[in-house]
Amino acid sequence: MSDRPRIVLTGATGLIGRALTKALAKGGYEVRALQSRTRGPGGMDVASGWIDEAFLEGAEAVIHLSGEPIAQRWTKAAKARILSSRVEGTRLLAAALARLKQPPKAFISMSGINRYGVRRPGETVTEASSLSNIGFLAEISEQWEIATQSAQKRGIRTVWLRTGVVLAGSGGALQKMRLPFSLGLGGPVGSGQQHLSWIRLGDLIRLIQWALATPGIQGAVNAVAPQPVTQRAFARCLGQALHRPAILPLPAFAVGLVFGEMGRETLLGDLAATPAKALAAGFVFETPDLPSALRAALCE
């Protein structure tokens, strides 16, 4: 049995989970993955409401990353899967943590900046800003955070990481954009004036580790870089990073036709969020500006 502090991690095979597992192991933790859709040792099956509580007993912390991908066409069935995987999965996990004889010191659960709504033009939001439940992503984020209540009531320090677009060369949105932009086919989306809140994967991993190691941090934490940008500025910076022009726009009507409701909320949303709580508590971003973040991400 390892004498290193143990972290239980859901979503360990995803983009964030893989990078976080490596970073935590390097930092001296024993990382154990809680497997989704598994009724057995080290498993959790949301559909049947079953979880291996013995696997959670005595963990230093639990970090909850798993959930059905957002980037898909939002059919009625897809919406149900997205909502259930996040809300029911989090509720099942939080309730199990609350029943443990030796609960973890911290429960870090993902959320999204859409907790503030889909569109806040002309405004910069922080953790102190008003919240919204208008829009599917806002509804998810609201219920996602509420689902952690059992853990909070037990006295477990609970953190909601409200993430924006995660930039990584190895996956996610940036990987999908790289080919068309490399071919000179990229450009601003919609009007180009709507804001995009983002964070490089490396800084997100460091922020998770910081939240894990900082006892005074709890509640909402905006997991975004300090400098949100417009869609037009993002396209220009990505084109420059790839040494290609980025002038071909993707009109708003085309976004709706191709991506449906998902595209209208994500690509046409307008939300400028900043990490006020993390900055005030002393967290330092390695790549706080978009040009340096893109250069680093594209080389990963």
C-alpha atoms as a PDB file:
ATOM      1  CA  MET A   1       0.000   0.000   0.000  1.00  0.00           C
ATOM      2  CA  SER A   2       1.407   3.380  -1.027  1.00  0.00           C
ATOM      3  CA  ASP A   3       2.014   5.965   1.698  1.00  0.00           C
ATOM      4  CA  ARG A   4       1.484   8.814  -0.761  1.00  0.00           C
ATOM      5  CA  PRO A   5      -1.716  10.882  -0.362  1.00  0.00           C
ATOM      6  CA  ARG A   6      -4.424   9.389  -2.569  1.00  0.00           C
ATOM      7  CA  ILE A   7      -6.499  11.305  -5.086  1.00  0.00           C
ATOM      8  CA  VAL A   8      -9.582   9.747  -6.653  1.00  0.00           C
ATOM      9  CA  LEU A   9     -10.217  11.061 -10.145  1.00  0.00           C
ATOM     10  CA  THR A  10     -13.187  10.655 -12.478  1.00  0.00           C
ATOM     11  CA  GLY A  11     -12.764  11.302 -16.192  1.00  0.00           C
ATOM     12  CA  ALA A  12      -9.147  10.173 -15.995  1.00  0.00           C
ATOM     13  CA  THR A  13      -9.000   9.140 -19.664  1.00  0.00           C
ATOM     14  CA  GLY A  14     -10.168  12.511 -21.043  1.00  0.00           C
ATOM     15  CA  LEU A  15      -8.020  15.382 -22.259  1.00  0.00           C
ATOM     16  CA  ILE A  16      -7.871  17.075 -18.854  1.00  0.00           C
ATOM     17  CA  GLY A  17      -7.795  13.822 -16.903  1.00  0.00           C
ATOM     18  CA  ARG A  18      -4.744  12.431 -18.706  1.00  0.00           C
ATOM     19  CA  ALA A  19      -2.735  15.604 -18.173  1.00  0.00           C
ATOM     20  CA  LEU A  20      -3.872  15.936 -14.556  1.00  0.00           C
ATOM     21  CA  THR A  21      -3.001  12.323 -13.740  1.00  0.00           C
ATOM     22  CA  LYS A  22       0.591  12.884 -14.903  1.00  0.00           C
ATOM     23  CA  ALA A  23       0.921  16.162 -13.023  1.00  0.00           C
ATOM     24  CA  LEU A  24      -0.479  14.780  -9.756  1.00  0.00           C
ATOM     25  CA  ALA A  25       1.721  11.679  -9.925  1.00  0.00           C
ATOM     26  CA  LYS A  26       4.738  13.902 -10.512  1.00  0.00           C
ATOM     27  CA  GLY A  27       3.653  15.978  -7.521  1.00  0.00           C
ATOM     28  CA  GLY A  28       3.781  12.979  -5.193  1.00  0.00           C
ATOM     29  CA  TYR A  29       0.163  11.814  -5.198  1.00  0.00           C
ATOM     30  CA  GLU A  30      -1.212   8.352  -5.802  1.00  0.00           C
ATOM     31  CA  VAL A  31      -3.927   8.792  -8.424  1.00  0.00           C
ATOM     32  CA  ARG A  32      -6.738   6.248  -8.650  1.00  0.00           C
ATOM     33  CA  ALA A  33      -9.311   6.441 -11.420  1.00  0.00           C
ATOM     34  CA  LEU A  34     -12.982   5.903 -10.599  1.00  0.00           C
ATOM     35  CA  GLN A  35     -14.394   4.157 -13.663  1.00  0.00           C
ATOM     36  CA  SER A  36     -17.726   5.307 -15.115  1.00  0.00           C
ATOM     37  CA  ARG A  37     -20.461   2.870 -16.161  1.00  0.00           C
ATOM     38  CA  THR A  38     -18.845   0.089 -14.127  1.00  0.00           C
ATOM     39  CA  ARG A  39     -20.539  -1.992 -11.442  1.00  0.00           C
ATOM     40  CA  GLY A  40     -17.496  -3.422  -9.782  1.00  0.00           C
ATOM     41  CA  PRO A  41     -14.384  -2.512  -7.770  1.00  0.00           C
ATOM     42  CA  GLY A  42     -13.402   1.085  -8.429  1.00  0.00           C
ATOM     43  CA  GLY A  43     -16.545   1.767 -10.426  1.00  0.00           C
ATOM     44  CA  MET A  44     -19.526   4.080 -10.602  1.00  0.00           C
ATOM     45  CA  ASP A  45     -22.702   3.400 -12.586  1.00  0.00           C
ATOM     46  CA  VAL A  46     -24.892   6.491 -12.762  1.00  0.00           C
ATOM     47  CA  ALA A  47     -27.753   4.729 -14.540  1.00  0.00           C
ATOM     48  CA  SER A  48     -28.322   2.330 -11.649  1.00  0.00           C
ATOM     49  CA  GLY A  49     -27.167   4.686  -8.866  1.00  0.00           C
ATOM     50  CA  TRP A  50     -24.333   2.369  -7.813  1.00  0.00           C
ATOM     51  CA  ILE A  51     -20.888   3.435  -6.628  1.00  0.00           C
ATOM     52  CA  ASP A  52     -17.993   1.652  -4.923  1.00  0.00           C
ATOM     53  CA  GLU A  53     -17.831   3.623  -1.671  1.00  0.00           C
ATOM     54  CA  ALA A  54     -14.940   1.554  -0.315  1.00  0.00           C
ATOM     55  CA  PHE A  55     -12.842   2.872  -3.207  1.00  0.00           C
ATOM     56  CA  LEU A  56     -13.433   6.436  -1.985  1.00  0.00           C
ATOM     57  CA  GLU A  57     -12.769   5.786   1.703  1.00  0.00           C
ATOM     58  CA  GLY A  58      -9.727   7.626   3.041  1.00  0.00           C
ATOM     59  CA  ALA A  59      -8.881   9.575  -0.118  1.00  0.00           C
ATOM     60  CA  GLU A  60      -7.171  12.929   0.384  1.00  0.00           C
ATOM     61  CA  ALA A  61      -9.377  14.505  -2.274  1.00  0.00           C
ATOM     62  CA  VAL A  62     -11.784  13.655  -5.079  1.00  0.00           C
ATOM     63  CA  ILE A  63     -11.585  15.474  -8.413  1.00  0.00           C
ATOM     64  CA  HIS A  64     -14.624  15.063 -10.624  1.00  0.00           C
ATOM     65  CA  LEU A  65     -14.060  15.627 -14.369  1.00  0.00           C
ATOM     66  CA  SER A  66     -16.311  13.124 -16.119  1.00  0.00           C
ATOM     67  CA  GLY A  67     -19.297  13.986 -18.289  1.00  0.00           C
ATOM     68  CA  GLU A  68     -20.831  13.443 -21.705  1.00  0.00           C
ATOM     69  CA  PRO A  69     -19.132  15.682 -24.338  1.00  0.00           C
ATOM     70  CA  ILE A  70     -20.814  19.035 -24.962  1.00  0.00           C
ATOM     71  CA  ALA A  71     -19.506  19.303 -28.540  1.00  0.00           C
ATOM     72  CA  GLN A  72     -22.196  17.310 -30.335  1.00  0.00           C
ATOM     73  CA  ARG A  73     -25.508  18.150 -31.928  1.00  0.00           C
ATOM     74  CA  TRP A  74     -28.023  18.677 -29.131  1.00  0.00           C
ATOM     75  CA  THR A  75     -30.790  16.274 -29.946  1.00  0.00           C
ATOM     76  CA  LYS A  76     -33.305  15.568 -27.201  1.00  0.00           C
ATOM     77  CA  ALA A  77     -31.463  12.328 -26.380  1.00  0.00           C
ATOM     78  CA  ALA A  78     -28.053  14.013 -26.388  1.00  0.00           C
ATOM     79  CA  LYS A  79     -29.281  16.734 -24.026  1.00  0.00           C
ATOM     80  CA  ALA A  80     -30.588  14.092 -21.646  1.00  0.00           C
ATOM     81  CA  ARG A  81     -27.222  12.297 -21.676  1.00  0.00           C
ATOM     82  CA  ILE A  82     -25.266  15.516 -21.153  1.00  0.00           C
ATOM     83  CA  LEU A  83     -27.444  16.622 -18.251  1.00  0.00           C
ATOM     84  CA  SER A  84     -27.648  13.225 -16.564  1.00  0.00           C
ATOM     85  CA  SER A  85     -23.935  12.462 -16.834  1.00  0.00           C
ATOM     86  CA  ARG A  86     -23.069  15.699 -15.053  1.00  0.00           C
ATOM     87  CA  VAL A  87     -25.901  16.248 -12.614  1.00  0.00           C
ATOM     88  CA  GLU A  88     -26.821  12.686 -11.635  1.00  0.00           C
ATOM     89  CA  GLY A  89     -23.165  11.616 -11.656  1.00  0.00           C
ATOM     90  CA  THR A  90     -22.161  14.487  -9.377  1.00  0.00           C
ATOM     91  CA  ARG A  91     -25.130  13.920  -7.062  1.00  0.00           C
ATOM     92  CA  LEU A  92     -24.291  10.202  -6.756  1.00  0.00           C
ATOM     93  CA  LEU A  93     -20.639  10.942  -6.021  1.00  0.00           C
ATOM     94  CA  ALA A  94     -21.313  13.763  -3.538  1.00  0.00           C
ATOM     95  CA  ALA A  95     -23.841  11.661  -1.614  1.00  0.00           C
ATOM     96  CA  ALA A  96     -21.350   8.797  -1.389  1.00  0.00           C
ATOM     97  CA  LEU A  97     -18.636  11.127  -0.080  1.00  0.00           C
ATOM     98  CA  ALA A  98     -21.005  12.424   2.593  1.00  0.00           C
ATOM     99  CA  ARG A  99     -21.578   8.879   3.884  1.00  0.00           C
ATOM    100  CA  LEU A 100     -17.900   7.953   4.256  1.00  0.00           C
ATOM    101  CA  LYS A 101     -16.305   7.352   7.646  1.00  0.00           C
ATOM    102  CA  GLN A 102     -13.175   9.121   6.355  1.00  0.00           C
ATOM    103  CA  PRO A 103     -14.390  11.676   3.810  1.00  0.00           C
ATOM    104  CA  PRO A 104     -11.896  13.581   1.656  1.00  0.00           C
ATOM    105  CA  LYS A 105     -10.659  16.979   2.671  1.00  0.00           C
ATOM    106  CA  ALA A 106     -11.591  18.436  -0.722  1.00  0.00           C
ATOM    107  CA  PHE A 107     -14.052  17.769  -3.514  1.00  0.00           C
ATOM    108  CA  ILE A 108     -13.193  19.577  -6.754  1.00  0.00           C
ATOM    109  CA  SER A 109     -15.927  19.403  -9.370  1.00  0.00           C
ATOM    110  CA  MET A 110     -16.031  20.872 -12.849  1.00  0.00           C
ATOM    111  CA  SER A 111     -18.611  23.437 -13.877  1.00  0.00           C
ATOM    112  CA  GLY A 112     -18.756  26.087 -16.603  1.00  0.00           C
ATOM    113  CA  ILE A 113     -18.613  29.842 -17.044  1.00  0.00           C
ATOM    114  CA  ASN A 114     -22.077  29.580 -18.560  1.00  0.00           C
ATOM    115  CA  ARG A 115     -23.278  29.660 -14.965  1.00  0.00           C
ATOM    116  CA  TYR A 116     -23.379  33.402 -15.669  1.00  0.00           C
ATOM    117  CA  GLY A 117     -25.503  32.911 -18.782  1.00  0.00           C
ATOM    118  CA  VAL A 118     -24.824  32.600 -22.493  1.00  0.00           C
ATOM    119  CA  ARG A 119     -24.552  36.269 -23.447  1.00  0.00           C
ATOM    120  CA  ARG A 120     -23.387  39.194 -21.292  1.00  0.00           C
ATOM    121  CA  PRO A 121     -22.336  41.763 -23.964  1.00  0.00           C
ATOM    122  CA  GLY A 122     -20.396  44.745 -22.695  1.00  0.00           C
ATOM    123  CA  GLU A 123     -19.773  43.145 -19.292  1.00  0.00           C
ATOM    124  CA  THR A 124     -16.886  41.329 -17.634  1.00  0.00           C
ATOM    125  CA  VAL A 125     -18.035  38.714 -15.132  1.00  0.00           C
ATOM    126  CA  THR A 126     -16.266  37.505 -11.999  1.00  0.00           C
ATOM    127  CA  GLU A 127     -17.257  35.053  -9.294  1.00  0.00           C
ATOM    128  CA  ALA A 128     -19.199  37.905  -7.654  1.00  0.00           C
ATOM    129  CA  SER A 129     -21.371  38.542 -10.728  1.00  0.00           C
ATOM    130  CA  SER A 130     -25.046  37.665 -10.888  1.00  0.00           C
ATOM    131  CA  LEU A 131     -25.928  34.182 -12.097  1.00  0.00           C
ATOM    132  CA  SER A 132     -28.306  32.967 -14.785  1.00  0.00           C
ATOM    133  CA  ASN A 133     -30.195  29.793 -15.637  1.00  0.00           C
ATOM    134  CA  ILE A 134     -31.188  30.908 -19.133  1.00  0.00           C
ATOM    135  CA  GLY A 135     -29.859  28.557 -21.813  1.00  0.00           C
ATOM    136  CA  PHE A 136     -29.053  24.863 -21.771  1.00  0.00           C
ATOM    137  CA  LEU A 137     -25.433  25.331 -20.659  1.00  0.00           C
ATOM    138  CA  ALA A 138     -26.488  27.683 -17.867  1.00  0.00           C
ATOM    139  CA  GLU A 139     -29.073  25.131 -16.728  1.00  0.00           C
ATOM    140  CA  ILE A 140     -26.450  22.381 -16.709  1.00  0.00           C
ATOM    141  CA  SER A 141     -23.951  24.476 -14.748  1.00  0.00           C
ATOM    142  CA  GLU A 142     -26.565  25.480 -12.183  1.00  0.00           C
ATOM    143  CA  GLN A 143     -27.711  21.916 -11.521  1.00  0.00           C
ATOM    144  CA  TRP A 144     -24.139  20.612 -11.680  1.00  0.00           C
ATOM    145  CA  GLU A 145     -23.101  22.840  -8.779  1.00  0.00           C
ATOM    146  CA  ILE A 146     -26.279  22.213  -6.773  1.00  0.00           C
ATOM    147  CA  ALA A 147     -25.586  18.479  -7.088  1.00  0.00           C
ATOM    148  CA  THR A 148     -22.529  18.838  -4.806  1.00  0.00           C
ATOM    149  CA  GLN A 149     -24.647  19.893  -1.810  1.00  0.00           C
ATOM    150  CA  SER A 150     -24.363  16.587   0.060  1.00  0.00           C
ATOM    151  CA  ALA A 151     -20.588  16.944   0.197  1.00  0.00           C
ATOM    152  CA  GLN A 152     -20.813  20.564   1.299  1.00  0.00           C
ATOM    153  CA  LYS A 153     -23.264  19.742   4.091  1.00  0.00           C
ATOM    154  CA  ARG A 154     -20.851  17.080   5.362  1.00  0.00           C
ATOM    155  CA  GLY A 155     -18.216  19.819   5.682  1.00  0.00           C
ATOM    156  CA  ILE A 156     -16.087  18.739   2.730  1.00  0.00           C
ATOM    157  CA  ARG A 157     -14.348  21.719   1.144  1.00  0.00           C
ATOM    158  CA  THR A 158     -16.008  21.935  -2.275  1.00  0.00           C
ATOM    159  CA  VAL A 159     -14.706  23.844  -5.292  1.00  0.00           C
ATOM    160  CA  TRP A 160     -16.557  24.426  -8.573  1.00  0.00           C
ATOM    161  CA  LEU A 161     -14.169  25.116 -11.437  1.00  0.00           C
ATOM    162  CA  ARG A 162     -16.100  27.219 -13.937  1.00  0.00           C
ATOM    163  CA  THR A 163     -14.119  26.558 -17.087  1.00  0.00           C
ATOM    164  CA  GLY A 164     -14.063  28.277 -20.452  1.00  0.00           C
ATOM    165  CA  VAL A 165     -12.628  26.905 -23.704  1.00  0.00           C
ATOM    166  CA  VAL A 166      -9.600  24.736 -22.903  1.00  0.00           C
ATOM    167  CA  LEU A 167      -6.753  25.227 -25.397  1.00  0.00           C
ATOM    168  CA  ALA A 168      -4.604  22.162 -26.031  1.00  0.00           C
ATOM    169  CA  GLY A 169      -2.762  21.028 -29.120  1.00  0.00           C
ATOM    170  CA  SER A 170      -3.506  17.397 -28.275  1.00  0.00           C
ATOM    171  CA  GLY A 171      -7.296  17.630 -28.277  1.00  0.00           C
ATOM    172  CA  GLY A 172     -10.405  19.686 -27.776  1.00  0.00           C
ATOM    173  CA  ALA A 173     -11.496  22.762 -29.710  1.00  0.00           C
ATOM    174  CA  LEU A 174      -8.009  23.899 -30.743  1.00  0.00           C
ATOM    175  CA  GLN A 175      -7.161  20.557 -32.322  1.00  0.00           C
ATOM    176  CA  LYS A 176     -10.371  20.738 -34.385  1.00  0.00           C
ATOM    177  CA  MET A 177      -9.577  24.285 -35.525  1.00  0.00           C
ATOM    178  CA  ARG A 178      -5.952  23.632 -36.380  1.00  0.00           C
ATOM    179  CA  LEU A 179      -6.475  21.999 -39.787  1.00  0.00           C
ATOM    180  CA  PRO A 180      -8.827  24.578 -41.340  1.00  0.00           C
ATOM    181  CA  PHE A 181      -6.731  27.454 -40.006  1.00  0.00           C
ATOM    182  CA  SER A 182      -3.549  25.767 -41.260  1.00  0.00           C
ATOM    183  CA  LEU A 183      -5.141  25.641 -44.716  1.00  0.00           C
ATOM    184  CA  GLY A 184      -6.003  29.336 -44.574  1.00  0.00           C
ATOM    185  CA  LEU A 185      -9.699  28.561 -44.196  1.00  0.00           C
ATOM    186  CA  GLY A 186     -10.168  30.004 -40.707  1.00  0.00           C
ATOM    187  CA  GLY A 187     -11.693  33.260 -39.603  1.00  0.00           C
ATOM    188  CA  PRO A 188     -14.023  34.949 -37.113  1.00  0.00           C
ATOM    189  CA  VAL A 189     -17.333  33.368 -36.148  1.00  0.00           C
ATOM    190  CA  GLY A 190     -20.553  35.333 -36.465  1.00  0.00           C
ATOM    191  CA  SER A 191     -20.009  39.064 -36.000  1.00  0.00           C
ATOM    192  CA  GLY A 192     -16.607  38.394 -34.464  1.00  0.00           C
ATOM    193  CA  GLN A 193     -17.419  40.824 -31.645  1.00  0.00           C
ATOM    194  CA  GLN A 194     -18.663  38.249 -29.141  1.00  0.00           C
ATOM    195  CA  HIS A 195     -16.218  37.417 -26.358  1.00  0.00           C
ATOM    196  CA  LEU A 196     -14.501  34.104 -25.745  1.00  0.00           C
ATOM    197  CA  SER A 197     -13.168  33.048 -22.328  1.00  0.00           C
ATOM    198  CA  TRP A 198     -10.359  30.521 -22.561  1.00  0.00           C
ATOM    199  CA  ILE A 199      -7.542  28.823 -20.631  1.00  0.00           C
ATOM    200  CA  ARG A 200      -4.530  26.833 -21.770  1.00  0.00           C
ATOM    201  CA  LEU A 201      -4.570  23.212 -20.615  1.00  0.00           C
ATOM    202  CA  GLY A 202      -1.285  23.617 -18.740  1.00  0.00           C
ATOM    203  CA  ASP A 203      -2.630  26.519 -16.697  1.00  0.00           C
ATOM    204  CA  LEU A 204      -5.879  24.650 -15.999  1.00  0.00           C
ATOM    205  CA  ILE A 205      -3.891  21.711 -14.610  1.00  0.00           C
ATOM    206  CA  ARG A 206      -1.860  24.067 -12.424  1.00  0.00           C
ATOM    207  CA  LEU A 207      -5.054  25.781 -11.266  1.00  0.00           C
ATOM    208  CA  ILE A 208      -6.586  22.443 -10.247  1.00  0.00           C
ATOM    209  CA  GLN A 209      -3.443  21.558  -8.313  1.00  0.00           C
ATOM    210  CA  TRP A 210      -3.477  24.987  -6.681  1.00  0.00           C
ATOM    211  CA  ALA A 211      -7.130  24.627  -5.664  1.00  0.00           C
ATOM    212  CA  LEU A 212      -6.301  21.210  -4.239  1.00  0.00           C
ATOM    213  CA  ALA A 213      -3.423  22.587  -2.160  1.00  0.00           C
ATOM    214  CA  THR A 214      -5.047  25.862  -1.009  1.00  0.00           C
ATOM    215  CA  PRO A 215      -7.350  25.216   1.980  1.00  0.00           C
ATOM    216  CA  GLY A 216      -8.965  28.660   1.848  1.00  0.00           C
ATOM    217  CA  ILE A 217     -10.309  28.172  -1.669  1.00  0.00           C
ATOM    218  CA  GLN A 218     -13.890  26.937  -1.925  1.00  0.00           C
ATOM    219  CA  GLY A 219     -17.029  27.605  -3.928  1.00  0.00           C
ATOM    220  CA  ALA A 220     -16.852  29.035  -7.428  1.00  0.00           C
ATOM    221  CA  VAL A 221     -13.504  29.597  -9.128  1.00  0.00           C
ATOM    222  CA  ASN A 222     -13.438  30.909 -12.688  1.00  0.00           C
ATOM    223  CA  ALA A 223     -11.000  28.606 -14.475  1.00  0.00           C
ATOM    224  CA  VAL A 224     -10.204  31.005 -17.298  1.00  0.00           C
ATOM    225  CA  ALA A 225      -7.227  33.145 -18.296  1.00  0.00           C
ATOM    226  CA  PRO A 226      -7.191  36.814 -17.218  1.00  0.00           C
ATOM    227  CA  GLN A 227      -7.614  38.137 -20.763  1.00  0.00           C
ATOM    228  CA  PRO A 228     -10.824  37.121 -22.581  1.00  0.00           C
ATOM    229  CA  VAL A 229     -10.806  38.035 -26.277  1.00  0.00           C
ATOM    230  CA  THR A 230     -13.290  38.586 -29.073  1.00  0.00           C
ATOM    231  CA  GLN A 231     -13.851  35.870 -31.654  1.00  0.00           C
ATOM    232  CA  ARG A 232     -12.206  38.138 -34.220  1.00  0.00           C
ATOM    233  CA  ALA A 233      -9.108  38.588 -32.066  1.00  0.00           C
ATOM    234  CA  PHE A 234      -8.955  34.846 -31.418  1.00  0.00           C
ATOM    235  CA  ALA A 235      -9.061  34.064 -35.138  1.00  0.00           C
ATOM    236  CA  ARG A 236      -6.355  36.638 -35.842  1.00  0.00           C
ATOM    237  CA  CYS A 237      -4.059  35.278 -33.103  1.00  0.00           C
ATOM    238  CA  LEU A 238      -4.508  31.674 -34.207  1.00  0.00           C
ATOM    239  CA  GLY A 239      -3.800  32.616 -37.818  1.00  0.00           C
ATOM    240  CA  GLN A 240      -0.638  34.428 -36.740  1.00  0.00           C
ATOM    241  CA  ALA A 241       0.481  31.461 -34.634  1.00  0.00           C
ATOM    242  CA  LEU A 242       0.091  29.190 -37.671  1.00  0.00           C
ATOM    243  CA  HIS A 243       1.463  31.808 -40.101  1.00  0.00           C
ATOM    244  CA  ARG A 244      -1.736  31.763 -42.131  1.00  0.00           C
ATOM    245  CA  PRO A 245      -4.401  34.353 -42.974  1.00  0.00           C
ATOM    246  CA  ALA A 246      -7.591  34.107 -40.915  1.00  0.00           C
ATOM    247  CA  ILE A 247     -10.096  36.184 -42.819  1.00  0.00           C
ATOM    248  CA  LEU A 248     -12.802  33.745 -43.929  1.00  0.00           C
ATOM    249  CA  PRO A 249     -15.811  34.336 -41.646  1.00  0.00           C
ATOM    250  CA  LEU A 250     -18.287  31.714 -40.504  1.00  0.00           C
ATOM    251  CA  PRO A 251     -21.638  33.555 -40.629  1.00  0.00           C
ATOM    252  CA  ALA A 252     -24.080  33.210 -37.770  1.00  0.00           C
ATOM    253  CA  PHE A 253     -26.725  31.580 -39.968  1.00  0.00           C
ATOM    254  CA  ALA A 254     -24.205  28.912 -41.021  1.00  0.00           C
ATOM    255  CA  VAL A 255     -23.383  28.191 -37.385  1.00  0.00           C
ATOM    256  CA  GLY A 256     -27.065  27.538 -36.747  1.00  0.00           C
ATOM    257  CA  LEU A 257     -27.427  25.329 -39.809  1.00  0.00           C
ATOM    258  CA  VAL A 258     -24.338  23.224 -39.130  1.00  0.00           C
ATOM    259  CA  PHE A 259     -24.228  23.055 -35.342  1.00  0.00           C
ATOM    260  CA  GLY A 260     -27.776  23.883 -34.269  1.00  0.00           C
ATOM    261  CA  GLU A 261     -28.473  24.985 -30.704  1.00  0.00           C
ATOM    262  CA  MET A 262     -25.034  23.838 -29.543  1.00  0.00           C
ATOM    263  CA  GLY A 263     -23.317  26.202 -31.974  1.00  0.00           C
ATOM    264  CA  ARG A 264     -25.591  29.115 -31.130  1.00  0.00           C
ATOM    265  CA  GLU A 265     -24.792  28.826 -27.405  1.00  0.00           C
ATOM    266  CA  THR A 266     -21.067  28.063 -27.697  1.00  0.00           C
ATOM    267  CA  LEU A 267     -19.775  29.735 -30.868  1.00  0.00           C
ATOM    268  CA  LEU A 268     -22.161  32.689 -30.807  1.00  0.00           C
ATOM    269  CA  GLY A 269     -22.245  33.153 -27.035  1.00  0.00           C
ATOM    270  CA  ASP A 270     -20.752  36.347 -25.624  1.00  0.00           C
ATOM    271  CA  LEU A 271     -19.197  35.913 -22.210  1.00  0.00           C
ATOM    272  CA  ALA A 272     -16.061  37.647 -20.941  1.00  0.00           C
ATOM    273  CA  ALA A 273     -15.085  36.013 -17.636  1.00  0.00           C
ATOM    274  CA  THR A 274     -12.009  36.702 -15.524  1.00  0.00           C
ATOM    275  CA  PRO A 275     -10.442  34.656 -12.687  1.00  0.00           C
ATOM    276  CA  ALA A 276     -10.818  37.288  -9.985  1.00  0.00           C
ATOM    277  CA  LYS A 277     -10.773  34.840  -7.062  1.00  0.00           C
ATOM    278  CA  ALA A 278      -7.656  32.981  -8.209  1.00  0.00           C
ATOM    279  CA  LEU A 279      -5.751  36.182  -8.951  1.00  0.00           C
ATOM    280  CA  ALA A 280      -6.691  37.718  -5.603  1.00  0.00           C
ATOM    281  CA  ALA A 281      -5.465  34.593  -3.814  1.00  0.00           C
ATOM    282  CA  GLY A 282      -2.092  34.714  -5.563  1.00  0.00           C
ATOM    283  CA  PHE A 283      -2.396  32.249  -8.445  1.00  0.00           C
ATOM    284  CA  VAL A 284      -0.026  33.122 -11.302  1.00  0.00           C
ATOM    285  CA  PHE A 285      -0.784  32.106 -14.883  1.00  0.00           C
ATOM    286  CA  GLU A 286       2.116  30.874 -17.019  1.00  0.00           C
ATOM    287  CA  THR A 287       0.399  32.041 -20.213  1.00  0.00           C
ATOM    288  CA  PRO A 288      -2.061  34.825 -19.311  1.00  0.00           C
ATOM    289  CA  ASP A 289      -2.280  36.237 -22.852  1.00  0.00           C
ATOM    290  CA  LEU A 290      -3.645  34.471 -25.926  1.00  0.00           C
ATOM    291  CA  PRO A 291      -0.589  34.686 -28.233  1.00  0.00           C
ATOM    292  CA  SER A 292       1.710  33.016 -25.691  1.00  0.00           C
ATOM    293  CA  ALA A 293      -0.975  30.453 -24.800  1.00  0.00           C
ATOM    294  CA  LEU A 294      -1.500  29.475 -28.437  1.00  0.00           C
ATOM    295  CA  ARG A 295       2.228  29.155 -29.084  1.00  0.00           C
ATOM    296  CA  ALA A 296       2.604  26.900 -26.046  1.00  0.00           C
ATOM    297  CA  ALA A 297      -0.501  24.832 -26.777  1.00  0.00           C
ATOM    298  CA  LEU A 298       0.391  24.232 -30.418  1.00  0.00           C
ATOM    299  CA  CYS A 299       3.792  22.879 -29.373  1.00  0.00           C
ATOM    300  CA  GLU A 300       2.387  20.449 -26.792  1.00  0.00           C
END
